[in-house]
PDB file of N, CA and C in Angstrom:
ATOM      1  N   MET A   1      49.505 -11.396  92.103  1.00  0.00           N
ATOM      2  CA  MET A   1      50.427 -11.532  90.958  1.00  0.00           C
ATOM      3  C   MET A   1      51.537 -10.906  91.146  1.00  0.00           C
ATOM      4  N   ALA A   2      51.614  -9.648  91.699  1.00  0.00           N
ATOM      5  CA  ALA A   2      52.750  -8.661  91.731  1.00  0.00           C
ATOM      6  C   ALA A   2      53.692  -9.204  92.621  1.00  0.00           C
ATOM      7  N   PHE A   3      53.282  -9.905  93.738  1.00  0.00           N
ATOM      8  CA  PHE A   3      53.993 -10.374  94.665  1.00  0.00           C
ATOM      9  C   PHE A   3      55.046 -11.648  93.932  1.00  0.00           C
ATOM     10  N   ARG A   4      54.350 -12.260  93.029  1.00  0.00           N
ATOM     11  CA  ARG A   4      55.234 -13.313  92.320  1.00  0.00           C
ATOM     12  C   ARG A   4      56.435 -12.702  91.430  1.00  0.00           C
ATOM     13  N   GLU A   5      55.762 -11.563  90.810  1.00  0.00           N
ATOM     14  CA  GLU A   5      56.752 -10.943  89.889  1.00  0.00           C
ATOM     15  C   GLU A   5      57.918 -10.210  90.587  1.00  0.00           C
ATOM     16  N   THR A   6      57.670  -9.585  91.612  1.00  0.00           N
ATOM     17  CA  THR A   6      58.790  -9.138  92.790  1.00  0.00           C
ATOM     18  C   THR A   6      59.574 -10.195  93.151  1.00  0.00           C
ATOM     19  N   TRP A   7      59.113 -11.397  93.138  1.00  0.00           N
ATOM     20  CA  TRP A   7      59.811 -12.474  94.159  1.00  0.00           C
ATOM     21  C   TRP A   7      60.755 -13.028  93.081  1.00  0.00           C
ATOM     22  N   LYS A   8      60.216 -13.048  91.599  1.00  0.00           N
ATOM     23  CA  LYS A   8      61.051 -13.467  90.510  1.00  0.00           C
ATOM     24  C   LYS A   8      62.503 -12.437  90.307  1.00  0.00           C
ATOM     25  N   SER A   9      61.963 -11.055  90.529  1.00  0.00           N
ATOM     26  CA  SER A   9      62.969  -9.932  89.931  1.00  0.00           C
ATOM     27  C   SER A   9      63.996  -9.685  91.083  1.00  0.00           C
ATOM     28  N   VAL A  10      64.017 -10.348  92.311  1.00  0.00           N
ATOM     29  CA  VAL A  10      64.759 -10.127  93.352  1.00  0.00           C
ATOM     30  C   VAL A  10      66.092 -10.377  93.027  1.00  0.00           C
ATOM     31  N   ASN A  11      67.287  -9.671  93.211  1.00  0.00           N
ATOM     32  CA  ASN A  11      68.595 -10.159  93.078  1.00  0.00           C
ATOM     33  C   ASN A  11      68.971 -10.781  94.616  1.00  0.00           C
ATOM     34  N   TRP A  12      69.091 -11.565  94.757  1.00  0.00           N
ATOM     35  CA  TRP A  12      69.502 -12.363  95.930  1.00  0.00           C
ATOM     36  C   TRP A  12      70.678 -12.380  96.339  1.00  0.00           C
ATOM     37  N   LEU A  13      71.708 -12.292  95.412  1.00  0.00           N
ATOM     38  CA  LEU A  13      72.982 -11.901  95.783  1.00  0.00           C
ATOM     39  C   LEU A  13      73.289 -10.545  96.571  1.00  0.00           C
ATOM     40  N   TRP A  14      72.519  -9.459  95.962  1.00  0.00           N
ATOM     41  CA  TRP A  14      72.607  -8.361  96.643  1.00  0.00           C
ATOM     42  C   TRP A  14      71.973  -8.439  98.065  1.00  0.00           C
ATOM     43  N   VAL A  15      70.848  -9.200  98.291  1.00  0.00           N
ATOM     44  CA  VAL A  15      69.973  -9.310  99.510  1.00  0.00           C
ATOM     45  C   VAL A  15      70.990  -9.854 100.603  1.00  0.00           C
ATOM     46  N   ALA A  16      71.603 -10.846  99.843  1.00  0.00           N
ATOM     47  CA  ALA A  16      72.711 -11.722 100.894  1.00  0.00           C
ATOM     48  C   ALA A  16      73.718 -10.957 101.234  1.00  0.00           C
ATOM     49  N   GLY A  17      74.058  -9.916 100.373  1.00  0.00           N
ATOM     50  CA  GLY A  17      75.357  -8.800 100.640  1.00  0.00           C
ATOM     51  C   GLY A  17      74.951  -7.864 101.432  1.00  0.00           C
ATOM     52  N   VAL A  18      73.642  -7.451 101.611  1.00  0.00           N
ATOM     53  CA  VAL A  18      73.271  -6.202 102.589  1.00  0.00           C
ATOM     54  C   VAL A  18      73.082  -7.332 103.896  1.00  0.00           C
ATOM     55  N   ILE A  19      72.341  -8.405 103.982  1.00  0.00           N
ATOM     56  CA  ILE A  19      72.224  -9.160 105.374  1.00  0.00           C
ATOM     57  C   ILE A  19      73.565  -9.200 105.988  1.00  0.00           C
ATOM     58  N   THR A  20      74.708  -9.669 105.028  1.00  0.00           N
ATOM     59  CA  THR A  20      75.873  -9.841 105.622  1.00  0.00           C
ATOM     60  C   THR A  20      76.681  -8.802 106.318  1.00  0.00           C
ATOM     61  N   LEU A  21      76.552  -7.624 105.556  1.00  0.00           N
ATOM     62  CA  LEU A  21      76.920  -6.387 106.118  1.00  0.00           C
ATOM     63  C   LEU A  21      76.237  -5.989 107.587  1.00  0.00           C
ATOM     64  N   ALA A  22      74.860  -6.267 107.575  1.00  0.00           N
ATOM     65  CA  ALA A  22      73.908  -5.760 108.724  1.00  0.00           C
ATOM     66  C   ALA A  22      74.265  -6.632 109.769  1.00  0.00           C
ATOM     67  N   TYR A  23      74.592  -7.902 109.302  1.00  0.00           N
ATOM     68  CA  TYR A  23      74.866  -8.890 110.408  1.00  0.00           C
ATOM     69  C   TYR A  23      76.323  -8.671 111.099  1.00  0.00           C
ATOM     70  N   ALA A  24      77.278  -8.309 110.097  1.00  0.00           N
ATOM     71  CA  ALA A  24      78.999  -7.706 110.721  1.00  0.00           C
ATOM     72  C   ALA A  24      78.757  -6.583 111.482  1.00  0.00           C
ATOM     73  N   ALA A  25      77.782  -5.768 111.119  1.00  0.00           N
ATOM     74  CA  ALA A  25      77.609  -4.602 112.245  1.00  0.00           C
ATOM     75  C   ALA A  25      77.043  -4.814 113.441  1.00  0.00           C
ATOM     76  N   TRP A  26      75.940  -5.815 113.432  1.00  0.00           N
ATOM     77  CA  TRP A  26      75.344  -6.053 114.581  1.00  0.00           C
ATOM     78  C   TRP A  26      76.547  -6.877 115.373  1.00  0.00           C
ATOM     79  N   VAL A  27      77.247  -7.800 114.829  1.00  0.00           N
ATOM     80  CA  VAL A  27      78.201  -8.574 115.755  1.00  0.00           C
ATOM     81  C   VAL A  27      79.287  -7.457 116.433  1.00  0.00           C
ATOM     82  N   ILE A  28      79.601  -6.733 115.431  1.00  0.00           N
ATOM     83  CA  ILE A  28      80.702  -5.583 116.212  1.00  0.00           C
ATOM     84  C   ILE A  28      79.891  -4.852 117.163  1.00  0.00           C
ATOM     85  N   TRP A  29      78.695  -4.382 117.169  1.00  0.00           N
ATOM     86  CA  TRP A  29      78.019  -3.477 118.108  1.00  0.00           C
ATOM     87  C   TRP A  29      77.492  -4.368 119.284  1.00  0.00           C
ATOM     88  N   VAL A  30      77.299  -5.708 119.229  1.00  0.00           N
ATOM     89  CA  VAL A  30      76.903  -6.626 120.445  1.00  0.00           C
ATOM     90  C   VAL A  30      78.283  -6.867 120.966  1.00  0.00           C
ATOM     91  N   LEU A  31      79.538  -7.300 120.177  1.00  0.00           N
ATOM     92  CA  LEU A  31      80.883  -7.728 121.280  1.00  0.00           C
ATOM     93  C   LEU A  31      81.409  -6.557 121.327  1.00  0.00           C
ATOM     94  N   GLY A  32      81.463  -5.423 120.451  1.00  0.00           N
ATOM     95  CA  GLY A  32      82.534  -4.311 120.708  1.00  0.00           C
ATOM     96  C   GLY A  32      83.801  -4.548 119.836  1.00  0.00           C
ATOM     97  N   TRP A  33      84.228  -3.477 119.154  1.00  0.00           N
ATOM     98  CA  TRP A  33      85.497  -3.770 118.357  1.00  0.00           C
ATOM     99  C   TRP A  33      86.427  -4.012 119.298  1.00  0.00           C
ATOM    100  N   GLU A  34      86.810  -3.337 120.300  1.00  0.00           N
ATOM    101  CA  GLU A  34      88.140  -3.695 121.193  1.00  0.00           C
ATOM    102  C   GLU A  34      87.973  -4.628 121.877  1.00  0.00           C
ATOM    103  N   ARG A  35      86.664  -5.447 122.035  1.00  0.00           N
ATOM    104  CA  ARG A  35      86.915  -6.592 122.725  1.00  0.00           C
ATOM    105  C   ARG A  35      87.076  -7.636 121.673  1.00  0.00           C
ATOM    106  N   ILE A  36      86.772  -7.512 120.459  1.00  0.00           N
ATOM    107  CA  ILE A  36      86.965  -8.634 119.318  1.00  0.00           C
ATOM    108  C   ILE A  36      88.737  -8.448 118.998  1.00  0.00           C
ATOM    109  N   ARG A  37      89.077  -7.094 118.920  1.00  0.00           N
ATOM    110  CA  ARG A  37      90.377  -7.011 118.625  1.00  0.00           C
ATOM    111  C   ARG A  37      91.083  -7.566 119.950  1.00  0.00           C
ATOM    112  N   GLY A  38      90.765  -7.318 121.083  1.00  0.00           N
ATOM    113  CA  GLY A  38      91.481  -7.723 122.035  1.00  0.00           C
ATOM    114  C   GLY A  38      91.596  -9.237 122.393  1.00  0.00           C
ATOM    115  N   PHE A  39      90.453  -9.858 121.922  1.00  0.00           N
ATOM    116  CA  PHE A  39      90.612 -11.590 121.920  1.00  0.00           C
ATOM    117  C   PHE A  39      91.709 -11.914 120.842  1.00  0.00           C
ATOM    118  N   PHE A  40      91.561 -11.325 119.640  1.00  0.00           N
ATOM    119  CA  PHE A  40      92.994 -11.999 118.771  1.00  0.00           C
ATOM    120  C   PHE A  40      94.012 -11.513 119.230  1.00  0.00           C
ATOM    121  N   GLN A  41      94.420 -10.401 119.657  1.00  0.00           N
ATOM    122  CA  GLN A  41      95.706  -9.829 120.266  1.00  0.00           C
ATOM    123  C   GLN A  41      96.162 -10.335 121.567  1.00  0.00           C
ATOM    124  N   ASN A  42      95.376 -11.003 122.245  1.00  0.00           N
ATOM    125  CA  ASN A  42      95.651 -11.667 123.500  1.00  0.00           C
ATOM    126  C   ASN A  42      96.726 -12.910 123.295  1.00  0.00           C
ATOM    127  N   ALA A  43      98.009 -12.795 123.855  1.00  0.00           N
ATOM    128  CA  ALA A  43      98.656 -13.917 123.632  1.00  0.00           C
ATOM    129  C   ALA A  43      98.230 -15.442 124.361  1.00  0.00           C
ATOM    130  N   ASP A  44      97.288 -15.102 125.419  1.00  0.00           N
ATOM    131  CA  ASP A  44      96.977 -16.415 125.954  1.00  0.00           C
ATOM    132  C   ASP A  44      95.583 -16.901 125.226  1.00  0.00           C
ATOM    133  N   THR A  45      95.147 -16.489 124.016  1.00  0.00           N
ATOM    134  CA  THR A  45      93.992 -17.029 123.317  1.00  0.00           C
ATOM    135  C   THR A  45      94.324 -18.348 122.800  1.00  0.00           C
ATOM    136  N   GLN A  46      93.822 -19.224 122.819  1.00  0.00           N
ATOM    137  CA  GLN A  46      94.337 -20.665 122.164  1.00  0.00           C
ATOM    138  C   GLN A  46      93.526 -20.645 120.855  1.00  0.00           C
ATOM    139  N   LEU A  47      94.353 -21.616 119.993  1.00  0.00           N
ATOM    140  CA  LEU A  47      93.713 -21.430 118.670  1.00  0.00           C
ATOM    141  C   LEU A  47      92.587 -22.089 118.581  1.00  0.00           C
ATOM    142  N   ASN A  48      92.358 -22.947 119.432  1.00  0.00           N
ATOM    143  CA  ASN A  48      90.996 -23.609 119.340  1.00  0.00           C
ATOM    144  C   ASN A  48      89.757 -22.416 119.812  1.00  0.00           C
ATOM    145  N   ALA A  49      90.154 -21.586 120.625  1.00  0.00           N
ATOM    146  CA  ALA A  49      88.962 -20.727 120.930  1.00  0.00           C
ATOM    147  C   ALA A  49      88.900 -19.758 119.560  1.00  0.00           C
ATOM    148  N   VAL A  50      89.872 -19.316 119.039  1.00  0.00           N
ATOM    149  CA  VAL A  50      90.012 -18.670 117.977  1.00  0.00           C
ATOM    150  C   VAL A  50      89.083 -19.311 116.855  1.00  0.00           C
ATOM    151  N   GLY A  51      89.165 -20.581 116.469  1.00  0.00           N
ATOM    152  CA  GLY A  51      88.465 -21.312 115.588  1.00  0.00           C
ATOM    153  C   GLY A  51      87.092 -21.718 115.783  1.00  0.00           C
ATOM    154  N   ASP A  52      86.717 -21.749 117.269  1.00  0.00           N
ATOM    155  CA  ASP A  52      85.302 -21.676 117.777  1.00  0.00           C
ATOM    156  C   ASP A  52      84.672 -20.306 117.538  1.00  0.00           C
ATOM    157  N   PHE A  53      85.258 -19.295 117.783  1.00  0.00           N
ATOM    158  CA  PHE A  53      84.835 -17.924 117.478  1.00  0.00           C
ATOM    159  C   PHE A  53      84.433 -17.788 116.192  1.00  0.00           C
ATOM    160  N   LEU A  54      85.249 -17.935 115.426  1.00  0.00           N
ATOM    161  CA  LEU A  54      85.181 -17.543 113.809  1.00  0.00           C
ATOM    162  C   LEU A  54      84.269 -18.496 113.050  1.00  0.00           C
ATOM    163  N   ALA A  55      84.215 -19.968 113.587  1.00  0.00           N
ATOM    164  CA  ALA A  55      83.113 -20.918 113.137  1.00  0.00           C
ATOM    165  C   ALA A  55      81.770 -20.274 113.679  1.00  0.00           C
ATOM    166  N   GLY A  56      81.678 -19.824 114.925  1.00  0.00           N
ATOM    167  CA  GLY A  56      80.174 -19.522 115.405  1.00  0.00           C
ATOM    168  C   GLY A  56      80.035 -18.109 114.712  1.00  0.00           C
ATOM    169  N   THR A  57      80.716 -17.438 114.683  1.00  0.00           N
ATOM    170  CA  THR A  57      80.453 -15.992 113.938  1.00  0.00           C
ATOM    171  C   THR A  57      80.394 -16.114 112.089  1.00  0.00           C
ATOM    172  N   PHE A  58      80.879 -16.826 111.484  1.00  0.00           N
ATOM    173  CA  PHE A  58      80.604 -16.841 110.186  1.00  0.00           C
ATOM    174  C   PHE A  58      79.708 -17.999 109.554  1.00  0.00           C
ATOM    175  N   ALA A  59      79.157 -18.957 110.705  1.00  0.00           N
ATOM    176  CA  ALA A  59      78.143 -20.054 110.001  1.00  0.00           C
ATOM    177  C   ALA A  59      76.773 -19.430 109.774  1.00  0.00           C
ATOM    178  N   PRO A  60      76.421 -18.106 110.344  1.00  0.00           N
ATOM    179  CA  PRO A  60      75.319 -17.597 109.703  1.00  0.00           C
ATOM    180  C   PRO A  60      75.436 -16.945 108.573  1.00  0.00           C
ATOM    181  N   VAL A  61      76.570 -16.490 108.113  1.00  0.00           N
ATOM    182  CA  VAL A  61      77.228 -15.860 107.020  1.00  0.00           C
ATOM    183  C   VAL A  61      76.768 -16.949 105.855  1.00  0.00           C
ATOM    184  N   ALA A  62      77.316 -18.224 106.131  1.00  0.00           N
ATOM    185  CA  ALA A  62      77.528 -19.280 105.207  1.00  0.00           C
ATOM    186  C   ALA A  62      76.148 -19.636 104.870  1.00  0.00           C
ATOM    187  N   LEU A  63      75.169 -19.671 105.970  1.00  0.00           N
ATOM    188  CA  LEU A  63      73.809 -19.993 105.987  1.00  0.00           C
ATOM    189  C   LEU A  63      73.298 -19.075 104.825  1.00  0.00           C
ATOM    190  N   ILE A  64      73.226 -17.947 105.146  1.00  0.00           N
ATOM    191  CA  ILE A  64      72.675 -16.729 104.340  1.00  0.00           C
ATOM    192  C   ILE A  64      73.246 -16.899 102.772  1.00  0.00           C
ATOM    193  N   TRP A  65      74.241 -16.961 102.555  1.00  0.00           N
ATOM    194  CA  TRP A  65      75.039 -17.244 101.349  1.00  0.00           C
ATOM    195  C   TRP A  65      74.329 -18.536 100.464  1.00  0.00           C
ATOM    196  N   LEU A  66      74.242 -19.501 101.141  1.00  0.00           N
ATOM    197  CA  LEU A  66      73.650 -20.817 100.951  1.00  0.00           C
ATOM    198  C   LEU A  66      72.226 -20.489 100.095  1.00  0.00           C
ATOM    199  N   CYS A  67      71.585 -19.947 101.211  1.00  0.00           N
ATOM    200  CA  CYS A  67      70.050 -19.400 100.775  1.00  0.00           C
ATOM    201  C   CYS A  67      69.971 -18.631  99.418  1.00  0.00           C
ATOM    202  N   ALA A  68      70.917 -17.672  99.748  1.00  0.00           N
ATOM    203  CA  ALA A  68      70.900 -16.830  98.310  1.00  0.00           C
ATOM    204  C   ALA A  68      71.257 -17.505  97.091  1.00  0.00           C
ATOM    205  N   ALA A  69      72.221 -18.368  97.008  1.00  0.00           N
ATOM    206  CA  ALA A  69      72.570 -19.173  95.933  1.00  0.00           C
ATOM    207  C   ALA A  69      71.506 -20.292  95.430  1.00  0.00           C
ATOM    208  N   VAL A  70      70.537 -20.667  96.435  1.00  0.00           N
ATOM    209  CA  VAL A  70      69.649 -21.668  96.048  1.00  0.00           C
ATOM    210  C   VAL A  70      68.337 -20.673  95.486  1.00  0.00           C
ATOM    211  N   PHE A  71      68.286 -19.773  96.168  1.00  0.00           N
ATOM    212  CA  PHE A  71      66.902 -19.023  95.465  1.00  0.00           C
ATOM    213  C   PHE A  71      67.419 -18.290  94.077  1.00  0.00           C
ATOM    214  N   THR A  72      68.801 -17.937  93.828  1.00  0.00           N
ATOM    215  CA  THR A  72      69.092 -17.718  92.710  1.00  0.00           C
ATOM    216  C   THR A  72      69.247 -18.557  91.346  1.00  0.00           C
ATOM    217  N   GLN A  73      69.595 -19.941  91.851  1.00  0.00           N
ATOM    218  CA  GLN A  73      69.477 -21.065  91.097  1.00  0.00           C
ATOM    219  C   GLN A  73      67.946 -21.383  90.970  1.00  0.00           C
ATOM    220  N   ARG A  74      67.091 -21.299  91.543  1.00  0.00           N
ATOM    221  CA  ARG A  74      65.736 -21.382  91.354  1.00  0.00           C
ATOM    222  C   ARG A  74      65.177 -20.499  90.453  1.00  0.00           C
ATOM    223  N   GLN A  75      65.487 -19.105  90.348  1.00  0.00           N
ATOM    224  CA  GLN A  75      65.105 -18.088  89.766  1.00  0.00           C
ATOM    225  C   GLN A  75      65.439 -18.494  88.213  1.00  0.00           C
ATOM    226  N   GLU A  76      66.670 -18.851  88.083  1.00  0.00           N
ATOM    227  CA  GLU A  76      67.371 -19.263  86.818  1.00  0.00           C
ATOM    228  C   GLU A  76      66.802 -20.635  86.226  1.00  0.00           C
ATOM    229  N   LEU A  77      66.517 -21.548  87.009  1.00  0.00           N
ATOM    230  CA  LEU A  77      65.712 -22.633  86.614  1.00  0.00           C
ATOM    231  C   LEU A  77      64.259 -22.207  86.176  1.00  0.00           C
ATOM    232  N   ASN A  78      63.497 -21.465  86.785  1.00  0.00           N
ATOM    233  CA  ASN A  78      62.086 -20.904  86.340  1.00  0.00           C
ATOM    234  C   ASN A  78      62.300 -19.908  84.971  1.00  0.00           C
ATOM    235  N   ASP A  79      63.353 -19.143  84.961  1.00  0.00           N
ATOM    236  CA  ASP A  79      63.496 -18.529  83.457  1.00  0.00           C
ATOM    237  C   ASP A  79      63.953 -19.425  82.706  1.00  0.00           C
ATOM    238  N   THR A  80      64.559 -20.463  82.746  1.00  0.00           N
ATOM    239  CA  THR A  80      64.768 -21.542  81.614  1.00  0.00           C
ATOM    240  C   THR A  80      63.523 -22.301  81.249  1.00  0.00           C
ATOM    241  N   ARG A  81      62.607 -22.585  82.234  1.00  0.00           N
ATOM    242  CA  ARG A  81      61.280 -23.469  81.956  1.00  0.00           C
ATOM    243  C   ARG A  81      60.464 -22.274  80.969  1.00  0.00           C
ATOM    244  N   ASP A  82      60.486 -21.067  81.521  1.00  0.00           N
ATOM    245  CA  ASP A  82      59.809 -20.272  80.630  1.00  0.00           C
ATOM    246  C   ASP A  82      60.305 -19.897  79.388  1.00  0.00           C
ATOM    247  N   GLN A  83      61.534 -20.164  79.121  1.00  0.00           N
ATOM    248  CA  GLN A  83      61.895 -19.968  77.740  1.00  0.00           C
ATOM    249  C   GLN A  83      61.625 -21.113  76.867  1.00  0.00           C
ATOM    250  N   PHE A  84      62.011 -22.432  77.675  1.00  0.00           N
ATOM    251  CA  PHE A  84      61.277 -23.547  76.780  1.00  0.00           C
ATOM    252  C   PHE A  84      59.851 -23.664  76.537  1.00  0.00           C
ATOM    253  N   ALA A  85      59.032 -23.071  77.382  1.00  0.00           N
ATOM    254  CA  ALA A  85      57.660 -22.987  76.931  1.00  0.00           C
ATOM    255  C   ALA A  85      57.613 -21.964  75.916  1.00  0.00           C
ATOM    256  N   GLU A  86      58.100 -21.174  75.875  1.00  0.00           N
ATOM    257  CA  GLU A  86      58.026 -20.232  74.526  1.00  0.00           C
ATOM    258  C   GLU A  86      58.704 -20.754  73.384  1.00  0.00           C
ATOM    259  N   SER A  87      59.804 -21.499  73.652  1.00  0.00           N
ATOM    260  CA  SER A  87      60.443 -22.029  72.231  1.00  0.00           C
ATOM    261  C   SER A  87      59.372 -23.026  71.796  1.00  0.00           C
ATOM    262  N   LYS A  88      58.913 -23.847  72.742  1.00  0.00           N
ATOM    263  CA  LYS A  88      57.822 -24.848  72.341  1.00  0.00           C
ATOM    264  C   LYS A  88      56.438 -24.375  71.408  1.00  0.00           C
ATOM    265  N   ARG A  89      56.104 -23.178  71.919  1.00  0.00           N
ATOM    266  CA  ARG A  89      54.995 -22.410  71.456  1.00  0.00           C
ATOM    267  C   ARG A  89      55.261 -21.964  69.985  1.00  0.00           C
ATOM    268  N   VAL A  90      56.473 -21.406  70.032  1.00  0.00           N
ATOM    269  CA  VAL A  90      56.817 -20.814  68.699  1.00  0.00           C
ATOM    270  C   VAL A  90      56.837 -22.027  67.555  1.00  0.00           C
ATOM    271  N   THR A  91      57.745 -23.119  68.048  1.00  0.00           N
ATOM    272  CA  THR A  91      57.788 -24.196  67.056  1.00  0.00           C
ATOM    273  C   THR A  91      56.502 -24.839  66.875  1.00  0.00           C
ATOM    274  N   ASP A  92      55.616 -24.774  67.693  1.00  0.00           N
ATOM    275  CA  ASP A  92      54.285 -25.258  67.447  1.00  0.00           C
ATOM    276  C   ASP A  92      53.512 -24.477  66.399  1.00  0.00           C
ATOM    277  N   GLU A  93      53.680 -23.099  66.514  1.00  0.00           N
ATOM    278  CA  GLU A  93      53.223 -21.949  65.442  1.00  0.00           C
ATOM    279  C   GLU A  93      53.954 -22.166  63.970  1.00  0.00           C
ATOM    280  N   GLN A  94      55.240 -22.533  64.128  1.00  0.00           N
ATOM    281  CA  GLN A  94      56.077 -22.930  62.685  1.00  0.00           C
ATOM    282  C   GLN A  94      55.677 -24.200  62.169  1.00  0.00           C
ATOM    283  N   LEU A  95      55.449 -25.115  63.008  1.00  0.00           N
ATOM    284  CA  LEU A  95      54.777 -26.267  62.495  1.00  0.00           C
ATOM    285  C   LEU A  95      53.456 -26.377  61.866  1.00  0.00           C
ATOM    286  N   LYS A  96      52.542 -25.523  62.610  1.00  0.00           N
ATOM    287  CA  LYS A  96      51.414 -25.261  61.821  1.00  0.00           C
ATOM    288  C   LYS A  96      51.385 -24.491  60.381  1.00  0.00           C
ATOM    289  N   VAL A  97      52.274 -23.568  60.361  1.00  0.00           N
ATOM    290  CA  VAL A  97      52.747 -22.797  59.128  1.00  0.00           C
ATOM    291  C   VAL A  97      53.112 -23.857  58.138  1.00  0.00           C
ATOM    292  N   ILE A  98      54.009 -24.592  58.434  1.00  0.00           N
ATOM    293  CA  ILE A  98      54.596 -25.689  57.486  1.00  0.00           C
ATOM    294  C   ILE A  98      53.624 -26.528  56.853  1.00  0.00           C
ATOM    295  N   HIS A  99      52.574 -26.986  57.899  1.00  0.00           N
ATOM    296  CA  HIS A  99      51.509 -28.152  57.384  1.00  0.00           C
ATOM    297  C   HIS A  99      50.475 -27.279  56.523  1.00  0.00           C
ATOM    298  N   SER A 100      50.262 -25.842  56.627  1.00  0.00           N
ATOM    299  CA  SER A 100      49.429 -25.220  55.764  1.00  0.00           C
ATOM    300  C   SER A 100      49.985 -24.881  54.685  1.00  0.00           C
ATOM    301  N   GLN A 101      51.415 -24.663  54.618  1.00  0.00           N
ATOM    302  CA  GLN A 101      51.953 -24.480  53.257  1.00  0.00           C
ATOM    303  C   GLN A 101      52.128 -25.811  52.330  1.00  0.00           C
ATOM    304  N   ASN A 102      52.203 -26.802  53.081  1.00  0.00           N
ATOM    305  CA  ASN A 102      52.607 -28.118  52.414  1.00  0.00           C
ATOM    306  C   ASN A 102      50.782 -28.506  52.113  1.00  0.00           C
ATOM    307  N   ALA A 103      49.647 -28.349  52.656  1.00  0.00           N
ATOM    308  CA  ALA A 103      48.512 -28.859  52.110  1.00  0.00           C
ATOM    309  C   ALA A 103      48.355 -27.746  50.905  1.00  0.00           C
ATOM    310  N   PHE A 104      48.643 -26.416  50.876  1.00  0.00           N
ATOM    311  CA  PHE A 104      48.421 -25.594  49.787  1.00  0.00           C
ATOM    312  C   PHE A 104      49.315 -26.341  48.597  1.00  0.00           C
ATOM    313  N   CYS A 105      50.424 -26.511  48.732  1.00  0.00           N
ATOM    314  CA  CYS A 105      51.229 -26.805  47.786  1.00  0.00           C
ATOM    315  C   CYS A 105      50.782 -28.160  47.009  1.00  0.00           C
ATOM    316  N   HIS A 106      50.465 -29.135  48.087  1.00  0.00           N
ATOM    317  CA  HIS A 106      49.837 -30.429  47.625  1.00  0.00           C
ATOM    318  C   HIS A 106      48.395 -30.354  46.775  1.00  0.00           C
ATOM    319  N   SER A 107      47.475 -29.371  47.262  1.00  0.00           N
ATOM    320  CA  SER A 107      46.305 -28.942  46.498  1.00  0.00           C
ATOM    321  C   SER A 107      46.774 -28.415  45.302  1.00  0.00           C
ATOM    322  N   SER A 108      47.812 -27.604  45.236  1.00  0.00           N
ATOM    323  CA  SER A 108      47.913 -26.724  44.096  1.00  0.00           C
ATOM    324  C   SER A 108      48.680 -27.619  42.833  1.00  0.00           C
ATOM    325  N   THR A 109      49.499 -28.837  43.339  1.00  0.00           N
ATOM    326  CA  THR A 109      49.881 -29.593  42.578  1.00  0.00           C
ATOM    327  C   THR A 109      49.008 -30.693  41.918  1.00  0.00           C
ATOM    328  N   ILE A 110      47.983 -31.231  42.597  1.00  0.00           N
ATOM    329  CA  ILE A 110      46.819 -32.069  42.353  1.00  0.00           C
ATOM    330  C   ILE A 110      46.043 -31.237  41.123  1.00  0.00           C
ATOM    331  N   ARG A 111      45.779 -30.055  41.381  1.00  0.00           N
ATOM    332  CA  ARG A 111      45.027 -29.273  40.480  1.00  0.00           C
ATOM    333  C   ARG A 111      45.685 -29.122  38.929  1.00  0.00           C
ATOM    334  N   GLN A 112      47.065 -28.878  39.004  1.00  0.00           N
ATOM    335  CA  GLN A 112      47.702 -28.759  37.824  1.00  0.00           C
ATOM    336  C   GLN A 112      47.923 -29.946  37.132  1.00  0.00           C
ATOM    337  N   SER A 113      48.055 -31.102  37.864  1.00  0.00           N
ATOM    338  CA  SER A 113      48.144 -32.598  37.443  1.00  0.00           C
ATOM    339  C   SER A 113      46.798 -32.947  36.662  1.00  0.00           C
ATOM    340  N   ARG A 114      45.508 -32.224  37.116  1.00  0.00           N
ATOM    341  CA  ARG A 114      44.294 -32.787  36.493  1.00  0.00           C
ATOM    342  C   ARG A 114      44.043 -31.914  35.028  1.00  0.00           C
ATOM    343  N   THR A 115      44.505 -30.957  35.298  1.00  0.00           N
ATOM    344  CA  THR A 115      44.238 -29.905  33.875  1.00  0.00           C
ATOM    345  C   THR A 115      45.475 -30.558  32.747  1.00  0.00           C
ATOM    346  N   PRO A 116      44.884 -30.777  31.602  1.00  0.00           N
ATOM    347  CA  PRO A 116      45.535 -31.200  30.405  1.00  0.00           C
ATOM    348  C   PRO A 116      46.327 -30.437  30.106  1.00  0.00           C
ATOM    349  N   SER A 117      47.631 -30.785  29.747  1.00  0.00           N
ATOM    350  CA  SER A 117      48.806 -29.842  29.314  1.00  0.00           C
ATOM    351  C   SER A 117      48.823 -30.019  27.788  1.00  0.00           C
ATOM    352  N   ARG A 118      48.945 -28.970  27.210  1.00  0.00           N
ATOM    353  CA  ARG A 118      49.048 -28.848  25.797  1.00  0.00           C
ATOM    354  C   ARG A 118      50.522 -28.375  25.263  1.00  0.00           C
ATOM    355  N   LEU A 119      51.024 -29.262  24.293  1.00  0.00           N
ATOM    356  CA  LEU A 119      52.056 -28.981  23.873  1.00  0.00           C
ATOM    357  C   LEU A 119      51.964 -28.067  22.703  1.00  0.00           C
ATOM    358  N   THR A 120      52.735 -27.191  22.329  1.00  0.00           N
ATOM    359  CA  THR A 120      52.637 -26.565  21.026  1.00  0.00           C
ATOM    360  C   THR A 120      53.985 -26.346  20.301  1.00  0.00           C
ATOM    361  N   HIS A 121      53.720 -26.571  19.109  1.00  0.00           N
ATOM    362  CA  HIS A 121      55.160 -26.390  18.546  1.00  0.00           C
ATOM    363  C   HIS A 121      55.249 -25.284  17.509  1.00  0.00           C
TER     364      HIS A 121
END
């Protein structure tokens, strides 16, 4: 049960942000800052190659943020379901109280109608 509660309380946007920063650091470490900068500053680099590089670099980032958005929406949907269940429980309790009050008022009215009333002058 502790795992489920931990899973519910995770802020997936923070997780995605940390993973994105780690991924960016990894890309810079693997390729090297000078190599990346030289690729973009080279006059012979075609725009098609730049687009391919950017698409390949940012596709995992897009997937990470898509997953974070889905997990966040899942958490919000589960929270909404829990709130609806709580609202239903409270409404059911209120309905029971209303029925008991109606039953009490109805029995009290019947008792009063059976007792003869005396008019005094």
